């Protein structure tokens, strides 16, 4: 295993050598500029970085020409391979272009654009029409015989003041494509995972995207801007003169976990600076396809979901001008029997676990019985129990205007809760279609240590969401924290203060400088074939944010890492 630091790309279903070469380039400090896959060749790819390139099974003349360009002191910046043409390629260099066997009209147009003072920066060829092409220059686009909607979308983006920076056609069909711009991107029919990964890079501030490449068998590469992974972040200095170092904090976290987990991942963010570290497998040889874990892989972060559920409730209270002392019994199903002292329970008491409920109930029927049994006033002290946030999902559904469904109120309230969280939290953050069960295609698995069994994704939460169950990546969790900690995208400033002071969905943690809020998650090995998960999100008042997960019996000591991240100025 190899610790992978500050990886500014995500590859899915790539040829094995391609993934390994990308990892090695990033480890050696390269910026990835371009990835391309020649059609009609097995295990064939090109990777171009800011200093060199690597080729496998590409047309031999293309490889030879790239070496000649490099030996002549020039730099190759991009390569494109047309479909349905043998020995066919286009090389974009810092000194112009070199074309071989591409459509004649494309070659002619490139020469004309160069003569007119344009610098060619990108090129795409659709898979079905062998005469189709799209040229991107530093100021415009030109195309012929491509999907009409792609053409129209490029014009619309340009009219809106965006500069097109790249185009990539899916291998399956001409009408599946990706456009990248200096401010965003647009995808058409390219698949949920690729689209959501692009959004996750944006959420981290790793934007604009450097490259998106579609390859064989639905594989793809998304390359983000490397800038946040190299940025230093805002100056943070204690009165004693010590200065915060995000790199020192990351190094401490890697030291804590190195060799002590089946896998782990962490994302740190401080202003415009992002740092990541991952090690270990998302899947292993006995659960193919074997692949490495990344900060862009979705997983169920256990109780970290409670923070998200809490924000969903606070948003609805704020929107309806209701205080956090609003009683919950008015927002429970009308057919439920309200047991002793339940009428005293407030929204805040559910979110900070001082409701008096005791237990791990998650299902609708269990929660109904729990409410019927009621609580004792003596029990209304803080005691952490999953049932509180599970019940909160039903309260949230009714707060949002859900009307009682006599036949299937359990399913209906769960679906309403999921829809509320998607609309009010994930959609504004640009995290589309978040799942509440494992992904259908090769989901991230957690294993015993050492991995003995098939691995687990920790169950299906679609009918019992709230206390756990949202499938998110570490990158997405940090984007959630970033939005939660500032601005008004998720919560008003006043409600954010209430959330922190009343510890709603997060609890205080002690650190040597400033304060911190955290939420940990845990799936025990005993119920999960030996597979233990420890997760967490941390929000330091100094502006440092963290999301982490480990698979094994060791959890991150994030506060210690923060305390040790201060260096003499």
Protein backbone atom coordinates (compact mmCIF):
# COMPACT_ATOMS: atom_id res chain seq x y z
CA UNK A 1 0.00 0.00 0.00
CA UNK A 2 1.07 3.56 -0.64
CA UNK A 3 -0.20 6.68 1.10
CA UNK A 4 -1.57 8.95 -1.61
CA UNK A 5 -1.37 12.64 -0.73
CA UNK A 6 -3.18 15.60 -2.32
CA UNK A 7 -4.43 13.66 -5.33
CA UNK A 8 -6.01 16.11 -7.76
CA UNK A 9 -7.62 13.50 -10.02
CA UNK A 10 -10.18 10.71 -9.80
CA UNK A 11 -10.12 7.71 -12.12
CA UNK A 12 -12.89 5.17 -12.54
CA UNK A 13 -12.59 1.82 -14.31
CA UNK A 14 -9.26 2.77 -15.88
CA UNK A 15 -6.63 0.41 -17.30
CA UNK A 16 -4.59 -0.61 -14.25
CA UNK A 17 -1.31 0.83 -15.53
CA UNK A 18 -2.98 4.17 -16.26
CA UNK A 19 -4.26 4.51 -12.68
CA UNK A 20 -0.83 3.58 -11.26
CA UNK A 21 0.98 6.06 -13.52
CA UNK A 22 -1.40 8.86 -12.54
CA UNK A 23 -0.75 8.06 -8.86
CA UNK A 24 3.00 8.10 -9.40
CA UNK A 25 2.96 11.38 -11.28
CA UNK A 26 1.00 13.08 -8.47
CA UNK A 27 3.29 11.55 -5.83
CA UNK A 28 6.26 13.06 -7.69
CA UNK A 29 4.66 16.51 -7.70
CA UNK A 30 3.44 16.69 -11.31
CA UNK A 31 0.33 18.56 -12.42
CA UNK A 32 -1.77 16.38 -14.72
CA UNK A 33 -2.72 18.33 -17.88
CA UNK A 34 -4.30 15.75 -20.18
CA UNK A 35 -5.37 12.09 -20.26
CA UNK A 36 -6.47 10.44 -23.51
CA UNK A 37 -7.41 6.96 -24.70
CA UNK A 38 -6.88 5.84 -28.31
CA UNK A 39 -9.91 3.88 -29.56
CA UNK A 40 -9.71 0.32 -30.90
CA UNK A 41 -6.68 -0.55 -28.75
CA UNK A 42 -6.65 -2.55 -25.53
CA UNK A 43 -5.01 -1.00 -22.45
CA UNK A 44 -3.99 2.11 -24.38
CA UNK A 45 -3.55 5.57 -22.88
CA UNK A 46 -1.57 8.79 -22.76
CA UNK A 47 -0.96 10.98 -19.71
CA UNK A 48 0.60 14.43 -20.15
CA UNK A 49 1.87 16.45 -17.18
CA UNK A 50 3.43 19.89 -16.80
CA UNK A 51 6.90 18.35 -17.21
CA UNK A 52 6.63 15.02 -19.05
CA UNK A 53 4.30 12.33 -20.42
CA UNK A 54 3.73 8.56 -20.37
CA UNK A 55 2.28 6.48 -23.20
CA UNK A 56 1.06 2.92 -23.52
CA UNK A 57 -0.05 1.12 -26.71
CA UNK A 58 -0.67 4.34 -28.61
CA UNK A 59 0.18 4.65 -32.34
CA UNK A 60 3.97 4.33 -32.54
CA UNK A 61 4.32 7.43 -34.69
CA UNK A 62 2.45 9.47 -32.07
CA UNK A 63 4.78 8.27 -29.33
CA UNK A 64 7.83 8.96 -31.49
CA UNK A 65 6.59 12.45 -32.44
CA UNK A 66 5.98 13.33 -28.78
CA UNK A 67 9.57 12.34 -27.93
CA UNK A 68 10.92 14.44 -30.80
CA UNK A 69 8.92 17.46 -29.62
CA UNK A 70 10.25 17.03 -26.07
CA UNK A 71 13.84 16.52 -27.25
CA UNK A 72 13.51 19.70 -29.29
CA UNK A 73 12.82 21.68 -26.12
CA UNK A 74 9.08 22.10 -26.74
CA UNK A 75 6.22 20.79 -24.59
CA UNK A 76 3.29 18.58 -25.53
CA UNK A 77 0.18 19.95 -23.78
CA UNK A 78 -2.61 17.72 -25.10
CA UNK A 79 -3.34 14.85 -27.45
CA UNK A 80 -6.57 13.67 -29.08
CA UNK A 81 -7.36 10.48 -30.97
CA UNK A 82 -10.16 10.31 -33.57
CA UNK A 83 -12.38 7.22 -33.66
CA UNK A 84 -12.60 4.89 -36.67
CA UNK A 85 -9.28 6.01 -38.20
CA UNK A 86 -5.99 4.10 -37.97
CA UNK A 87 -2.72 5.80 -36.97
CA UNK A 88 -4.67 8.96 -36.29
CA UNK A 89 -3.83 11.63 -33.70
CA UNK A 90 -3.48 15.34 -33.04
CA UNK A 91 -0.75 16.77 -30.80
CA UNK A 92 -1.16 20.21 -29.26
CA UNK A 93 2.15 21.75 -28.17
CA UNK A 94 3.34 25.12 -26.87
CA UNK A 95 4.54 25.72 -30.44
CA UNK A 96 1.47 24.77 -32.48
CA UNK A 97 -0.15 21.50 -33.55
CA UNK A 98 0.88 18.32 -35.34
CA UNK A 99 -1.86 16.26 -37.00
CA UNK A 100 -1.83 12.81 -38.58
CA UNK A 101 -4.80 11.29 -40.46
CA UNK A 102 -7.43 13.45 -38.76
CA UNK A 103 -10.42 14.74 -40.77
CA UNK A 104 -9.08 17.11 -43.46
CA UNK A 105 -11.59 19.81 -42.60
CA UNK A 106 -10.36 19.77 -38.97
CA UNK A 107 -6.72 20.13 -40.02
CA UNK A 108 -7.61 23.02 -42.37
CA UNK A 109 -9.61 24.81 -39.67
CA UNK A 110 -6.78 24.48 -37.14
CA UNK A 111 -4.30 26.04 -39.59
CA UNK A 112 -6.72 28.92 -40.27
CA UNK A 113 -7.28 29.54 -36.56
CA UNK A 114 -3.53 29.55 -35.87
CA UNK A 115 -2.94 31.94 -38.77
CA UNK A 116 -5.58 34.19 -37.20
CA UNK A 117 -3.61 34.32 -33.93
CA UNK A 118 -5.56 31.69 -31.95
CA UNK A 119 -3.76 29.31 -29.62
CA UNK A 120 -5.31 25.83 -29.80
CA UNK A 121 -5.85 24.37 -26.31
CA UNK A 122 -8.19 21.42 -26.78
CA UNK A 123 -9.70 19.06 -29.30
CA UNK A 124 -12.42 16.40 -29.26
CA UNK A 125 -13.64 13.77 -31.70
CA UNK A 126 -17.10 12.12 -31.41
CA UNK A 127 -17.13 8.31 -31.52
CA UNK A 128 -19.73 7.70 -34.23
CA UNK A 129 -19.24 10.36 -36.91
CA UNK A 130 -15.69 9.83 -38.19
CA UNK A 131 -15.70 13.29 -39.79
CA UNK A 132 -16.83 15.12 -36.66
CA UNK A 133 -14.54 17.37 -34.59
CA UNK A 134 -14.51 20.20 -32.08
CA UNK A 135 -11.57 22.61 -31.67
CA UNK A 136 -11.11 24.72 -28.53
CA UNK A 137 -8.86 27.79 -28.71
CA UNK A 138 -7.86 30.35 -26.12
CA UNK A 139 -10.71 32.57 -27.32
CA UNK A 140 -13.30 30.54 -29.24
CA UNK A 141 -14.59 27.16 -30.38
CA UNK A 142 -15.10 25.67 -33.84
CA UNK A 143 -16.85 22.42 -34.69
CA UNK A 144 -18.24 20.28 -37.49
CA UNK A 145 -20.60 17.30 -37.54
CA UNK A 146 -20.98 16.98 -33.76
CA UNK A 147 -24.13 16.63 -31.67
CA UNK A 148 -26.27 19.74 -32.32
CA UNK A 149 -27.05 20.17 -28.63
CA UNK A 150 -23.34 20.21 -27.82
CA UNK A 151 -22.84 23.01 -30.35
CA UNK A 152 -25.79 24.98 -28.95
CA UNK A 153 -24.61 24.53 -25.37
CA UNK A 154 -21.13 25.83 -26.18
CA UNK A 155 -22.63 28.93 -27.79
CA UNK A 156 -24.95 29.49 -24.80
CA UNK A 157 -22.06 29.16 -22.33
CA UNK A 158 -19.96 31.60 -24.36
CA UNK A 159 -22.88 34.04 -24.56
CA UNK A 160 -23.08 33.86 -20.74
CA UNK A 161 -19.45 35.01 -20.55
CA UNK A 162 -17.79 31.63 -19.97
CA UNK A 163 -14.74 30.46 -21.89
CA UNK A 164 -14.83 26.84 -23.07
CA UNK A 165 -11.68 25.04 -21.92
CA UNK A 166 -12.35 21.45 -22.95
CA UNK A 167 -14.68 18.97 -24.63
CA UNK A 168 -14.78 15.22 -24.16
CA UNK A 169 -17.07 12.79 -25.94
CA UNK A 170 -18.22 9.57 -24.28
CA UNK A 171 -17.14 6.48 -26.20
CA UNK A 172 -20.68 5.10 -26.37
CA UNK A 173 -22.44 7.75 -28.45
CA UNK A 174 -22.05 11.17 -30.07
CA UNK A 175 -24.83 12.63 -27.89
CA UNK A 176 -22.96 11.93 -24.63
CA UNK A 177 -20.37 14.58 -23.79
CA UNK A 178 -18.72 16.85 -21.24
CA UNK A 179 -17.89 20.53 -21.61
CA UNK A 180 -15.57 22.30 -19.19
CA UNK A 181 -15.28 26.07 -18.88
CA UNK A 182 -13.23 28.57 -16.89
CA UNK A 183 -16.13 28.79 -14.41
CA UNK A 184 -18.05 25.53 -14.58
CA UNK A 185 -18.98 22.49 -16.60
CA UNK A 186 -21.89 20.92 -18.43
CA UNK A 187 -22.55 17.20 -18.84
CA UNK A 188 -25.00 15.40 -21.08
CA UNK A 189 -25.85 11.71 -20.46
CA UNK A 190 -22.42 10.81 -19.15
CA UNK A 191 -23.33 8.95 -15.97
CA UNK A 192 -24.02 9.92 -12.37
CA UNK A 193 -20.62 9.06 -10.91
CA UNK A 194 -18.60 11.16 -13.34
CA UNK A 195 -20.98 14.11 -13.00
CA UNK A 196 -21.02 13.99 -9.21
CA UNK A 197 -17.23 13.62 -9.02
CA UNK A 198 -16.81 16.76 -11.14
CA UNK A 199 -19.15 18.56 -8.73
CA UNK A 200 -17.10 17.31 -5.76
CA UNK A 201 -13.92 18.84 -7.21
CA UNK A 202 -15.79 22.10 -7.55
CA UNK A 203 -16.99 21.84 -3.95
CA UNK A 204 -13.34 21.60 -2.81
CA UNK A 205 -12.44 24.66 -4.86
CA UNK A 206 -10.28 22.50 -7.19
CA UNK A 207 -11.62 24.44 -10.13
CA UNK A 208 -11.62 25.05 -13.04
CA UNK A 209 -11.16 21.42 -14.05
CA UNK A 210 -7.91 20.73 -15.89
CA UNK A 211 -9.24 17.78 -17.89
CA UNK A 212 -12.10 15.31 -18.18
CA UNK A 213 -11.50 12.23 -20.31
CA UNK A 214 -13.95 9.46 -21.17
CA UNK A 215 -12.46 6.07 -21.96
CA UNK A 216 -13.45 2.50 -22.78
CA UNK A 217 -16.03 0.52 -20.74
CA UNK A 218 -17.55 3.64 -19.17
CA UNK A 219 -14.20 4.57 -17.59
CA UNK A 220 -13.32 8.21 -17.00
CA UNK A 221 -10.77 10.54 -15.45
CA UNK A 222 -11.57 13.86 -13.83
CA UNK A 223 -8.55 16.09 -13.20
CA UNK A 224 -9.15 19.04 -10.90
CA UNK A 225 -7.07 22.16 -10.50
CA UNK A 226 -3.99 21.32 -8.41
CA UNK A 227 -3.97 24.85 -6.91
CA UNK A 228 -5.86 24.19 -3.61
CA UNK A 229 -3.61 21.19 -2.90
CA UNK A 230 -0.59 23.51 -3.04
CA UNK A 231 -2.10 26.69 -1.50
CA UNK A 232 -0.89 27.62 1.99
CA UNK A 233 -4.25 28.90 3.29
CA UNK A 234 -4.89 32.02 5.38
CA UNK A 235 -2.28 33.01 7.95
CA UNK A 236 -3.32 31.73 11.38
CA UNK A 237 -1.07 32.91 14.21
CA UNK A 238 -1.47 32.46 17.97
CA UNK A 239 -0.60 35.28 20.40
CA UNK A 240 2.58 33.32 21.26
CA UNK A 241 3.69 33.69 17.63
CA UNK A 242 3.13 30.07 16.61
CA UNK A 243 1.72 29.61 13.13
CA UNK A 244 -0.74 26.95 11.96
CA UNK A 245 0.50 24.55 9.25
CA UNK A 246 -2.07 22.50 7.37
CA UNK A 247 0.77 20.27 6.10
CA UNK A 248 1.96 19.58 9.64
CA UNK A 249 -1.59 18.61 10.64
CA UNK A 250 -1.87 16.23 7.68
CA UNK A 251 1.52 14.66 8.47
CA UNK A 252 0.45 14.04 12.08
CA UNK A 253 -2.78 12.35 10.92
CA UNK A 254 -0.91 10.12 8.45
CA UNK A 255 1.52 9.16 11.25
CA UNK A 256 -1.41 8.22 13.51
CA UNK A 257 -2.93 5.89 10.91
CA UNK A 258 0.04 4.53 8.99
CA UNK A 259 -0.09 0.74 9.19
CA UNK A 260 -2.96 0.84 11.70
CA UNK A 261 -6.03 0.50 9.47
CA UNK A 262 -7.33 -1.54 6.54
CA UNK A 263 -7.95 1.84 4.93
CA UNK A 264 -8.29 5.44 5.91
CA UNK A 265 -8.94 8.81 4.32
CA UNK A 266 -8.85 12.41 5.48
CA UNK A 267 -9.61 15.80 3.91
CA UNK A 268 -8.51 19.06 5.54
CA UNK A 269 -9.63 22.49 4.38
CA UNK A 270 -8.51 25.90 5.59
CA UNK A 271 -9.73 28.75 3.39
CA UNK A 272 -8.48 28.06 -0.14
CA UNK A 273 -6.05 25.32 1.00
CA UNK A 274 -7.05 21.65 0.76
CA UNK A 275 -5.01 18.61 1.83
CA UNK A 276 -5.93 14.95 1.44
CA UNK A 277 -4.44 11.61 2.41
CA UNK A 278 -5.71 8.11 1.66
CA UNK A 279 -4.39 4.59 1.97
CA UNK A 280 -5.95 1.18 1.52
CA UNK A 281 -8.55 -0.47 -0.69
CA UNK A 282 -12.12 0.47 -1.57
CA UNK A 283 -12.45 -3.13 -2.80
CA UNK A 284 -10.07 -6.11 -2.80
CA UNK A 285 -9.21 -8.95 -5.19
CA UNK A 286 -11.86 -11.21 -3.64
CA UNK A 287 -14.49 -8.45 -4.15
CA UNK A 288 -13.68 -7.34 -7.70
CA UNK A 289 -13.05 -4.87 -9.14
CA UNK A 290 -10.12 -4.34 -6.73
CA UNK A 291 -9.36 -0.62 -6.45
CA UNK A 292 -7.89 1.93 -4.07
CA UNK A 293 -10.01 4.06 -1.77
CA UNK A 294 -10.16 7.80 -2.58
CA UNK A 295 -11.64 10.93 -1.00
CA UNK A 296 -14.21 10.91 -3.85
CA UNK A 297 -15.65 7.46 -3.01
CA UNK A 298 -19.11 7.44 -1.43
CA UNK A 299 -19.73 5.51 1.79
CA UNK A 300 -22.14 5.51 4.72
CA UNK A 301 -20.41 7.69 7.36
CA UNK A 302 -22.62 6.34 10.17
CA UNK A 303 -23.66 8.97 12.74
CA UNK A 304 -22.02 11.84 10.87
CA UNK A 305 -25.36 11.88 9.01
CA UNK A 306 -26.92 13.19 12.26
CA UNK A 307 -25.31 16.59 11.67
CA UNK A 308 -26.93 16.75 8.24
CA UNK A 309 -30.33 15.73 9.68
CA UNK A 310 -29.96 18.39 12.39
CA UNK A 311 -29.26 21.10 9.81
CA UNK A 312 -32.36 20.00 7.86
CA UNK A 313 -34.51 20.48 10.99
CA UNK A 314 -32.94 23.86 11.86
CA UNK A 315 -33.54 25.09 8.30
CA UNK A 316 -37.25 24.25 8.51
CA UNK A 317 -37.61 25.87 11.95
CA UNK A 318 -35.89 29.00 10.65
CA UNK A 319 -38.07 29.11 7.53
CA UNK A 320 -41.24 28.85 9.67
CA UNK A 321 -40.00 31.31 12.33
CA UNK A 322 -40.25 28.61 14.99
CA UNK A 323 -37.86 28.53 17.97
CA UNK A 324 -35.79 25.42 18.78
CA UNK A 325 -37.96 25.12 21.93
CA UNK A 326 -40.95 24.18 19.74
CA UNK A 327 -42.48 20.94 21.02
CA UNK A 328 -42.24 17.87 18.82
CA UNK A 329 -45.65 16.32 19.60
CA UNK A 330 -47.43 18.65 17.15
CA UNK A 331 -45.26 17.18 14.38
CA UNK A 332 -45.81 13.47 15.01
CA UNK A 333 -48.23 11.22 13.10
CA UNK A 334 -51.82 11.95 14.22
CA UNK A 335 -52.56 8.23 14.77
CA UNK A 336 -49.73 7.83 17.33
CA UNK A 337 -50.51 7.64 21.03
CA UNK A 338 -48.45 10.30 22.80
CA UNK A 339 -46.99 8.72 25.96
CA UNK A 340 -46.13 10.28 29.34
CA UNK A 341 -44.09 13.54 29.22
CA UNK A 342 -43.58 13.41 25.42
CA UNK A 343 -45.47 16.73 25.22
CA UNK A 344 -42.54 18.31 27.13
CA UNK A 345 -39.92 17.34 24.50
CA UNK A 346 -38.56 20.11 22.26
CA UNK A 347 -36.84 20.06 18.87
CA UNK A 348 -33.54 21.02 20.54
CA UNK A 349 -33.82 18.14 23.02
CA UNK A 350 -34.11 15.66 20.14
CA UNK A 351 -31.01 17.09 18.44
CA UNK A 352 -28.82 17.24 21.56
CA UNK A 353 -30.02 13.89 22.96
CA UNK A 354 -31.69 15.23 26.11
CA UNK A 355 -35.23 14.12 25.17
CA UNK A 356 -35.39 11.31 27.73
CA UNK A 357 -35.71 8.65 25.04
CA UNK A 358 -33.32 5.77 25.55
CA UNK A 359 -32.51 3.20 22.91
CA UNK A 360 -31.47 2.38 19.38
CA UNK A 361 -34.85 2.37 17.64
CA UNK A 362 -34.66 3.34 13.97
CA UNK A 363 -37.77 1.87 12.28
CA UNK A 364 -41.13 3.64 12.12
CA UNK A 365 -42.99 0.94 14.10
CA UNK A 366 -40.34 0.88 16.84
CA UNK A 367 -40.39 4.67 17.12
CA UNK A 368 -44.19 4.63 17.43
CA UNK A 369 -43.95 2.21 20.38
CA UNK A 370 -41.18 4.30 21.93
CA UNK A 371 -43.32 7.46 21.81
CA UNK A 372 -46.29 5.55 23.23
CA UNK A 373 -44.20 4.41 26.21
CA UNK A 374 -43.09 7.98 26.86
CA UNK A 375 -40.20 9.23 29.02
CA UNK A 376 -39.58 10.05 32.65
CA UNK A 377 -38.67 13.66 33.48
CA UNK A 378 -35.66 12.36 35.43
CA UNK A 379 -34.31 10.86 32.18
CA UNK A 380 -34.38 14.22 30.40
CA UNK A 381 -30.62 14.68 30.63
CA UNK A 382 -28.08 14.32 27.85
CA UNK A 383 -27.66 10.67 26.82
CA UNK A 384 -26.62 9.89 23.27
CA UNK A 385 -29.15 7.59 21.55
CA UNK A 386 -29.74 6.87 17.86
CA UNK A 387 -33.51 6.95 18.34
CA UNK A 388 -33.49 10.75 18.74
CA UNK A 389 -32.30 11.50 15.20
CA UNK A 390 -34.37 8.63 13.80
CA UNK A 391 -37.48 10.25 15.31
CA UNK A 392 -36.28 13.62 14.00
CA UNK A 393 -36.74 12.40 10.39
CA UNK A 394 -40.47 11.90 11.07
CA UNK A 395 -40.72 15.31 12.75
CA UNK A 396 -38.88 16.85 9.76
CA UNK A 397 -41.33 15.26 7.31
CA UNK A 398 -44.32 16.73 9.20
CA UNK A 399 -42.56 20.09 9.67
CA UNK A 400 -42.17 20.15 5.89
CA UNK A 401 -45.92 19.68 5.44
CA UNK A 402 -46.20 15.90 5.05
CA UNK A 403 -49.81 14.68 5.27
CA UNK A 404 -50.37 11.43 7.15
CA UNK A 405 -50.44 8.34 4.93
CA UNK A 406 -52.61 5.70 6.57
CA UNK A 407 -51.24 2.75 4.57
CA UNK A 408 -47.50 3.43 4.52
CA UNK A 409 -46.63 6.45 6.66
CA UNK A 410 -43.24 4.89 7.53
CA UNK A 411 -42.11 4.73 3.91
CA UNK A 412 -43.75 8.07 3.11
CA UNK A 413 -42.05 9.97 5.97
CA UNK A 414 -38.66 8.41 5.11
CA UNK A 415 -39.05 9.42 1.45
CA UNK A 416 -40.16 12.92 2.45
CA UNK A 417 -37.16 13.31 4.77
CA UNK A 418 -34.73 12.18 2.04
CA UNK A 419 -36.34 14.62 -0.43
CA UNK A 420 -36.08 17.51 2.07
CA UNK A 421 -32.38 16.84 2.75
CA UNK A 422 -31.65 16.55 -0.98
CA UNK A 423 -33.52 19.76 -1.87
CA UNK A 424 -32.41 21.93 1.06
CA UNK A 425 -28.85 20.70 1.67
CA UNK A 426 -27.34 18.56 -1.08
CA UNK A 427 -28.76 20.37 -4.13
CA UNK A 428 -27.50 23.82 -3.02
CA UNK A 429 -24.07 22.23 -2.45
CA UNK A 430 -24.06 20.69 -5.93
CA UNK A 431 -24.22 17.07 -4.68
CA UNK A 432 -26.83 15.43 -6.93
CA UNK A 433 -28.94 12.35 -6.15
CA UNK A 434 -27.34 11.25 -2.88
CA UNK A 435 -28.08 7.60 -2.17
CA UNK A 436 -29.17 6.16 1.21
CA UNK A 437 -28.03 2.64 0.40
CA UNK A 438 -24.93 1.20 -1.25
CA UNK A 439 -24.22 2.13 -4.85
CA UNK A 440 -25.30 -0.38 -7.49
CA UNK A 441 -21.92 -0.36 -9.23
CA UNK A 442 -18.90 -1.52 -7.22
CA UNK A 443 -19.64 0.31 -3.95
CA UNK A 444 -16.94 1.08 -1.37
CA UNK A 445 -16.67 -1.81 1.11
CA UNK A 446 -15.34 -2.02 4.67
CA UNK A 447 -13.51 -5.10 5.87
CA UNK A 448 -12.35 -6.98 8.93
CA UNK A 449 -8.68 -6.49 9.80
CA UNK A 450 -7.06 -8.36 8.11
CA UNK A 451 -9.78 -8.62 5.39
CA UNK A 452 -11.27 -12.09 5.79
CA UNK A 453 -14.82 -11.71 4.48
CA UNK A 454 -16.74 -10.20 1.62
CA UNK A 455 -16.86 -6.71 3.13
CA UNK A 456 -19.88 -4.58 3.96
CA UNK A 457 -21.43 -1.24 2.97
CA UNK A 458 -23.44 -1.17 6.26
CA UNK A 459 -26.95 -1.77 5.04
CA UNK A 460 -29.89 -0.03 3.44
CA UNK A 461 -31.18 3.13 5.17
CA UNK A 462 -33.85 4.14 2.67
CA UNK A 463 -36.66 3.25 5.12
CA UNK A 464 -34.83 4.36 8.28
CA UNK A 465 -32.72 7.41 7.34
CA UNK A 466 -31.66 10.15 9.72
CA UNK A 467 -29.34 8.73 12.37
CA UNK A 468 -27.05 7.34 9.61
CA UNK A 469 -27.25 6.31 5.99
CA UNK A 470 -26.37 9.17 3.62
CA UNK A 471 -23.72 7.94 1.19
CA UNK A 472 -21.19 10.73 0.73
CA UNK A 473 -17.50 11.12 0.00
CA UNK A 474 -14.98 12.79 2.31
CA UNK A 475 -14.68 15.57 -0.27
CA UNK A 476 -18.45 16.12 -0.12
CA UNK A 477 -18.48 16.06 3.69
CA UNK A 478 -15.89 18.85 3.78
CA UNK A 479 -17.92 20.85 1.24
CA UNK A 480 -20.93 20.46 3.57
CA UNK A 481 -18.86 21.69 6.52
CA UNK A 482 -17.48 24.59 4.48
CA UNK A 483 -21.00 25.79 3.65
CA UNK A 484 -22.20 25.17 7.22
CA UNK A 485 -19.35 27.17 8.76
CA UNK A 486 -19.84 30.38 6.77
CA UNK A 487 -22.27 32.34 4.60
CA UNK A 488 -26.02 31.69 4.60
CA UNK A 489 -26.26 28.89 2.03
CA UNK A 490 -27.26 26.33 4.66
CA UNK A 491 -28.03 28.27 7.86
CA UNK A 492 -28.52 31.90 8.81
CA UNK A 493 -25.79 33.35 11.01
CA UNK A 494 -28.21 33.46 13.96
CA UNK A 495 -29.22 29.80 13.56
CA UNK A 496 -25.57 28.75 13.14
CA UNK A 497 -24.79 30.39 16.51
CA UNK A 498 -27.74 28.57 18.13
CA UNK A 499 -26.57 25.27 16.63
CA UNK A 500 -23.08 25.69 18.12
CA UNK A 501 -24.16 27.03 21.52
CA UNK A 502 -26.86 24.38 22.03
CA UNK A 503 -24.70 21.61 20.50
CA UNK A 504 -27.39 20.56 18.02
CA UNK A 505 -26.07 17.75 15.81
CA UNK A 506 -22.46 18.40 16.86
CA UNK A 507 -20.72 18.47 20.24
CA UNK A 508 -17.95 20.66 21.61
CA UNK A 509 -14.39 19.37 21.59
CA UNK A 510 -11.48 20.90 23.50
CA UNK A 511 -8.41 22.18 21.65
CA UNK A 512 -5.46 24.31 22.73
CA UNK A 513 -6.34 27.24 20.47
CA UNK A 514 -9.90 28.44 19.87
CA UNK A 515 -12.80 26.00 20.03
CA UNK A 516 -14.05 23.06 18.01
CA UNK A 517 -17.25 21.22 17.20
CA UNK A 518 -17.23 17.60 16.08
CA UNK A 519 -19.46 14.70 15.15
CA UNK A 520 -18.13 11.16 15.16
CA UNK A 521 -19.60 8.06 13.56
CA UNK A 522 -19.06 4.40 14.38
CA UNK A 523 -20.16 1.03 13.02
CA UNK A 524 -19.16 -1.77 15.44
CA UNK A 525 -17.29 -4.84 14.18
CA UNK A 526 -19.52 -7.27 16.10
CA UNK A 527 -22.60 -6.69 13.96
CA UNK A 528 -20.70 -6.26 10.68
CA UNK A 529 -18.55 -9.35 10.13
CA UNK A 530 -15.63 -7.76 11.96
CA UNK A 531 -15.67 -4.60 9.82
CA UNK A 532 -15.29 -1.52 12.04
CA UNK A 533 -15.81 2.02 10.72
CA UNK A 534 -14.79 5.21 12.53
CA UNK A 535 -15.75 8.50 10.90
CA UNK A 536 -15.91 12.12 11.87
CA UNK A 537 -16.25 15.76 10.88
CA UNK A 538 -14.55 18.61 12.75
CA UNK A 539 -15.24 22.32 12.60
CA UNK A 540 -12.55 24.40 14.33
CA UNK A 541 -13.45 27.98 15.24
CA UNK A 542 -10.13 29.04 13.68
CA UNK A 543 -11.59 28.08 10.27
CA UNK A 544 -9.92 24.69 9.86
CA UNK A 545 -12.30 21.92 8.69
CA UNK A 546 -11.77 18.16 8.58
CA UNK A 547 -13.55 14.97 7.49
CA UNK A 548 -12.05 11.54 8.07
CA UNK A 549 -12.82 7.83 8.02
CA UNK A 550 -10.88 4.76 9.10
CA UNK A 551 -11.63 1.07 8.63
CA UNK A 552 -10.19 -0.76 11.65
CA UNK A 553 -10.04 -0.35 15.41
CA UNK A 554 -8.08 2.93 15.45
CA UNK A 555 -9.84 6.28 15.09
CA UNK A 556 -8.30 9.62 14.18
CA UNK A 557 -7.21 11.85 17.07
CA UNK A 558 -8.05 15.02 15.17
CA UNK A 559 -7.80 17.41 18.12
CA UNK A 560 -4.30 16.16 18.89
CA UNK A 561 -3.28 16.64 15.24
CA UNK A 562 -4.64 20.22 15.33
CA UNK A 563 -2.79 20.95 18.58
CA UNK A 564 0.47 19.67 17.10
CA UNK A 565 0.13 21.59 13.83
CA UNK A 566 1.55 24.86 15.20
CA UNK A 567 5.09 25.77 14.25
CA UNK A 568 7.44 28.54 15.29
CA UNK A 569 7.09 31.43 12.86
